């Protein structure tokens, strides 16, 4: 992606607004920006999925809804129900926080079962809904990251995502992207958390990320244009 053009870079971005105080007008602006800049998707809280779907109807921009954000500590039953609700509200993609306790404890059975049940919901739809699993990589050891990625890879989820962007441990790093790509060769990787510049976005994509989650999408594209025109 080092030699990417503006359209290619924008097409890798999930334009994100997950603030608890976000208003309907801000969500409408987010969707308008996504259409104007050609972002791949918007990512919003469950409260706003239906509005985003309405605003983006007829456009190429996908609607992404989050599940169990930011902690991932909901029960499997709740996560399955949240996933169904998000999809029925209009989500084309679901970003679900994995059970971090299961990752830390190495509870393969619990994590595998949870991912399978949520993925089953996504795969039962026509067209099927993309599932991204957030592992909060900055809060994990190398061994825990590998464990989480291998389970997700075996389950067949579409994406593994680095971070919620809300954990004090931090967000995406180039090193984590490379490790996740290696540990889960059958999954795509979404880098999220702390990506605010065009340089950071390009570095993540060059490291193997397929998608960028950021609330700074407009700034990133404007900065990219200024840099390439200089």
Protein backbone atom coordinates (compact mmCIF):
# COMPACT_ATOMS: atom_id res chain seq x y z
CA UNK A 1 0.00 0.00 0.00
CA UNK A 2 3.04 2.29 0.06
CA UNK A 3 2.19 3.40 -3.48
CA UNK A 4 -1.56 3.52 -2.86
CA UNK A 5 -3.68 6.28 -4.24
CA UNK A 6 -6.29 8.22 -2.31
CA UNK A 7 -9.18 6.01 -3.42
CA UNK A 8 -7.39 2.81 -2.43
CA UNK A 9 -6.51 4.15 1.01
CA UNK A 10 -10.04 5.42 1.66
CA UNK A 11 -11.39 2.04 0.59
CA UNK A 12 -9.53 0.40 3.48
CA UNK A 13 -10.99 2.66 6.18
CA UNK A 14 -13.84 1.95 8.58
CA UNK A 15 -14.98 5.47 9.51
CA UNK A 16 -15.65 5.22 13.24
CA UNK A 17 -17.71 7.05 15.84
CA UNK A 18 -18.15 5.09 19.07
CA UNK A 19 -18.44 7.89 21.61
CA UNK A 20 -21.20 7.31 24.15
CA UNK A 21 -22.25 10.94 23.71
CA UNK A 22 -22.47 10.84 19.91
CA UNK A 23 -25.66 12.45 18.60
CA UNK A 24 -27.89 11.66 15.64
CA UNK A 25 -26.50 14.68 13.79
CA UNK A 26 -22.95 13.43 14.30
CA UNK A 27 -23.92 10.00 12.99
CA UNK A 28 -25.50 11.61 9.92
CA UNK A 29 -22.31 13.61 9.35
CA UNK A 30 -20.22 10.43 9.74
CA UNK A 31 -22.29 8.71 7.05
CA UNK A 32 -22.13 11.74 4.74
CA UNK A 33 -18.33 11.84 5.10
CA UNK A 34 -18.10 8.11 4.43
CA UNK A 35 -19.97 8.54 1.15
CA UNK A 36 -18.02 11.65 0.15
CA UNK A 37 -14.58 10.17 0.84
CA UNK A 38 -15.31 6.64 -0.32
CA UNK A 39 -14.65 4.90 2.99
CA UNK A 40 -15.35 1.19 3.10
CA UNK A 41 -17.69 1.29 6.09
CA UNK A 42 -18.87 3.22 9.10
CA UNK A 43 -18.58 1.73 12.58
CA UNK A 44 -21.20 2.79 15.12
CA UNK A 45 -22.74 1.76 18.43
CA UNK A 46 -25.89 -0.44 18.34
CA UNK A 47 -28.01 2.62 19.17
CA UNK A 48 -27.22 4.09 15.76
CA UNK A 49 -27.09 1.11 13.37
CA UNK A 50 -30.60 1.65 11.99
CA UNK A 51 -29.95 5.35 11.41
CA UNK A 52 -26.65 4.63 9.66
CA UNK A 53 -28.31 1.99 7.48
CA UNK A 54 -30.98 4.51 6.52
CA UNK A 55 -28.41 7.21 5.72
CA UNK A 56 -26.26 4.86 3.65
CA UNK A 57 -29.05 3.07 1.80
CA UNK A 58 -28.22 2.87 -1.90
CA UNK A 59 -24.54 3.67 -1.37
CA UNK A 60 -21.53 1.34 -1.45
CA UNK A 61 -20.60 2.12 2.17
CA UNK A 62 -21.15 -0.79 4.57
CA UNK A 63 -22.65 -0.48 8.05
CA UNK A 64 -20.58 -1.90 10.89
CA UNK A 65 -22.08 -2.47 14.32
CA UNK A 66 -20.15 -3.23 17.51
CA UNK A 67 -20.99 -6.01 19.96
CA UNK A 68 -19.90 -6.22 23.62
CA UNK A 69 -17.82 -3.05 23.34
CA UNK A 70 -15.56 -2.19 25.10
CA UNK A 71 -15.03 -5.04 27.61
CA UNK A 72 -16.07 -8.22 25.81
CA UNK A 73 -17.28 -9.63 29.12
CA UNK A 74 -20.89 -10.33 28.14
CA UNK A 75 -22.04 -13.94 28.15
CA UNK A 76 -22.15 -15.88 24.92
CA UNK A 77 -25.95 -15.81 24.98
CA UNK A 78 -25.93 -12.01 25.21
CA UNK A 79 -23.36 -11.68 22.42
CA UNK A 80 -25.42 -13.89 20.14
CA UNK A 81 -28.52 -11.80 20.87
CA UNK A 82 -26.63 -8.52 20.32
CA UNK A 83 -25.29 -9.84 17.01
CA UNK A 84 -28.78 -10.75 15.81
CA UNK A 85 -30.13 -7.36 16.88
CA UNK A 86 -27.30 -5.53 15.10
CA UNK A 87 -27.89 -7.47 11.89
CA UNK A 88 -31.65 -7.00 11.94
CA UNK A 89 -31.09 -3.27 12.48
CA UNK A 90 -29.05 -3.13 9.28
CA UNK A 91 -25.44 -4.09 10.07
CA UNK A 92 -23.45 -5.59 7.18
CA UNK A 93 -20.50 -6.27 9.47
CA UNK A 94 -20.13 -7.00 13.19
CA UNK A 95 -17.12 -6.06 15.31
CA UNK A 96 -17.30 -8.17 18.48
CA UNK A 97 -14.95 -7.95 21.44
CA UNK A 98 -13.68 -11.42 22.33
CA UNK A 99 -13.89 -12.75 25.87
CA UNK A 100 -10.57 -11.43 27.14
CA UNK A 101 -10.67 -13.54 30.31
CA UNK A 102 -10.81 -16.68 28.15
CA UNK A 103 -7.77 -15.47 26.22
CA UNK A 104 -5.78 -14.63 29.37
CA UNK A 105 -6.68 -17.94 31.02
CA UNK A 106 -6.13 -19.95 27.85
CA UNK A 107 -9.70 -21.26 27.97
CA UNK A 108 -9.82 -22.66 24.46
CA UNK A 109 -13.16 -24.39 24.87
CA UNK A 110 -15.02 -21.27 26.03
CA UNK A 111 -13.51 -18.95 23.42
CA UNK A 112 -13.96 -21.40 20.55
CA UNK A 113 -17.58 -22.07 21.51
CA UNK A 114 -18.39 -18.35 21.75
CA UNK A 115 -16.83 -17.48 18.41
CA UNK A 116 -18.55 -20.41 16.73
CA UNK A 117 -22.00 -19.42 17.95
CA UNK A 118 -21.63 -15.77 16.95
CA UNK A 119 -20.16 -16.74 13.58
CA UNK A 120 -23.08 -19.12 13.02
CA UNK A 121 -25.48 -16.18 13.27
CA UNK A 122 -23.42 -14.16 10.78
CA UNK A 123 -23.17 -17.07 8.33
CA UNK A 124 -26.91 -17.79 8.50
CA UNK A 125 -27.67 -14.47 6.81
CA UNK A 126 -27.96 -13.94 3.04
CA UNK A 127 -25.70 -12.33 2.12
CA UNK A 128 -23.62 -13.42 5.09
CA UNK A 129 -22.48 -10.83 7.59
CA UNK A 130 -18.76 -10.23 8.10
CA UNK A 131 -17.48 -11.00 11.63
CA UNK A 132 -14.49 -9.16 13.06
CA UNK A 133 -13.19 -10.37 16.44
CA UNK A 134 -11.41 -7.81 18.62
CA UNK A 135 -8.67 -9.28 20.83
CA UNK A 136 -7.30 -6.09 22.49
CA UNK A 137 -3.77 -7.05 21.45
CA UNK A 138 -1.96 -4.33 23.42
CA UNK A 139 -3.25 -5.84 26.67
CA UNK A 140 -2.00 -9.36 25.88
CA UNK A 141 1.31 -11.21 25.99
CA UNK A 142 2.78 -12.59 22.77
CA UNK A 143 1.60 -16.09 23.70
CA UNK A 144 -1.93 -14.85 24.44
CA UNK A 145 -2.11 -13.04 21.09
CA UNK A 146 -1.04 -16.17 19.24
CA UNK A 147 -3.55 -18.28 21.20
CA UNK A 148 -6.44 -15.91 20.39
CA UNK A 149 -5.50 -15.67 16.72
CA UNK A 150 -5.17 -19.42 16.29
CA UNK A 151 -8.61 -20.04 17.82
CA UNK A 152 -10.18 -17.35 15.62
CA UNK A 153 -8.43 -18.77 12.58
CA UNK A 154 -9.71 -22.27 13.32
CA UNK A 155 -13.25 -20.98 13.79
CA UNK A 156 -13.11 -19.28 10.40
CA UNK A 157 -13.94 -15.70 11.41
CA UNK A 158 -13.42 -13.11 8.69
CA UNK A 159 -11.21 -10.62 10.53
CA UNK A 160 -9.18 -10.39 13.70
CA UNK A 161 -9.04 -6.83 14.96
CA UNK A 162 -6.33 -5.43 17.21
CA UNK A 163 -8.19 -3.13 19.55
CA UNK A 164 -11.29 -1.29 20.67
CA UNK A 165 -9.28 1.92 20.97
CA UNK A 166 -10.61 2.23 24.51
CA UNK A 167 -8.22 0.05 26.49
CA UNK A 168 -5.56 1.91 28.53
CA UNK A 169 -2.97 -0.63 27.35
CA UNK A 170 -3.01 1.01 23.90
CA UNK A 171 -3.99 0.30 20.33
CA UNK A 172 -2.56 -1.15 17.14
CA UNK A 173 1.15 -1.63 16.48
CA UNK A 174 3.00 -2.74 13.37
CA UNK A 175 4.54 -5.60 15.36
CA UNK A 176 1.14 -6.91 16.41
CA UNK A 177 -0.20 -6.75 12.86
CA UNK A 178 2.69 -8.88 11.62
CA UNK A 179 2.29 -11.37 14.46
CA UNK A 180 -1.48 -11.65 13.97
CA UNK A 181 -1.07 -12.15 10.22
CA UNK A 182 1.40 -14.94 10.86
CA UNK A 183 -0.68 -16.62 13.59
CA UNK A 184 -3.95 -16.46 11.62
CA UNK A 185 -3.07 -16.87 7.92
CA UNK A 186 -6.69 -17.51 6.91
CA UNK A 187 -8.08 -14.36 8.54
CA UNK A 188 -7.93 -10.77 7.44
CA UNK A 189 -6.57 -8.24 9.92
CA UNK A 190 -8.12 -4.95 11.01
CA UNK A 191 -5.84 -2.44 12.69
CA UNK A 192 -7.60 -0.07 15.10
CA UNK A 193 -6.73 2.08 18.07
CA UNK A 194 -4.59 5.19 17.93
CA UNK A 195 -4.31 5.43 14.13
CA UNK A 196 -4.55 9.15 13.44
CA UNK A 197 -2.14 9.91 10.57
CA UNK A 198 -1.73 8.84 6.97
CA UNK A 199 1.76 7.56 7.79
CA UNK A 200 0.42 5.29 10.53
CA UNK A 201 -2.34 3.97 8.27
CA UNK A 202 0.07 3.15 5.46
CA UNK A 203 2.47 1.46 7.90
CA UNK A 204 -0.34 -0.76 9.20
CA UNK A 205 -1.42 -1.72 5.68
CA UNK A 206 2.17 -2.42 4.66
CA UNK A 207 2.52 -4.67 7.72
CA UNK A 208 -0.39 -6.79 6.54
CA UNK A 209 -3.57 -5.07 7.73
CA UNK A 210 -6.51 -5.29 5.34
CA UNK A 211 -8.67 -2.68 7.04
CA UNK A 212 -8.10 0.39 9.23
CA UNK A 213 -10.52 1.41 11.97
CA UNK A 214 -10.21 5.07 12.87
CA UNK A 215 -12.16 8.13 13.91
CA UNK A 216 -9.58 10.23 12.02
CA UNK A 217 -10.44 9.06 8.51
CA UNK A 218 -11.12 12.51 7.10
CA UNK A 219 -7.87 13.88 8.54
CA UNK A 220 -5.94 10.87 7.22
CA UNK A 221 -7.20 11.32 3.65
CA UNK A 222 -6.66 15.08 3.68
CA UNK A 223 -3.14 14.60 5.02
CA UNK A 224 -2.47 11.91 2.42
CA UNK A 225 -3.59 14.23 -0.38
CA UNK A 226 -1.39 17.05 0.89
CA UNK A 227 1.60 14.72 1.12
CA UNK A 228 1.19 13.25 -2.35
CA UNK A 229 0.63 16.68 -3.91
CA UNK A 230 3.67 18.21 -2.22
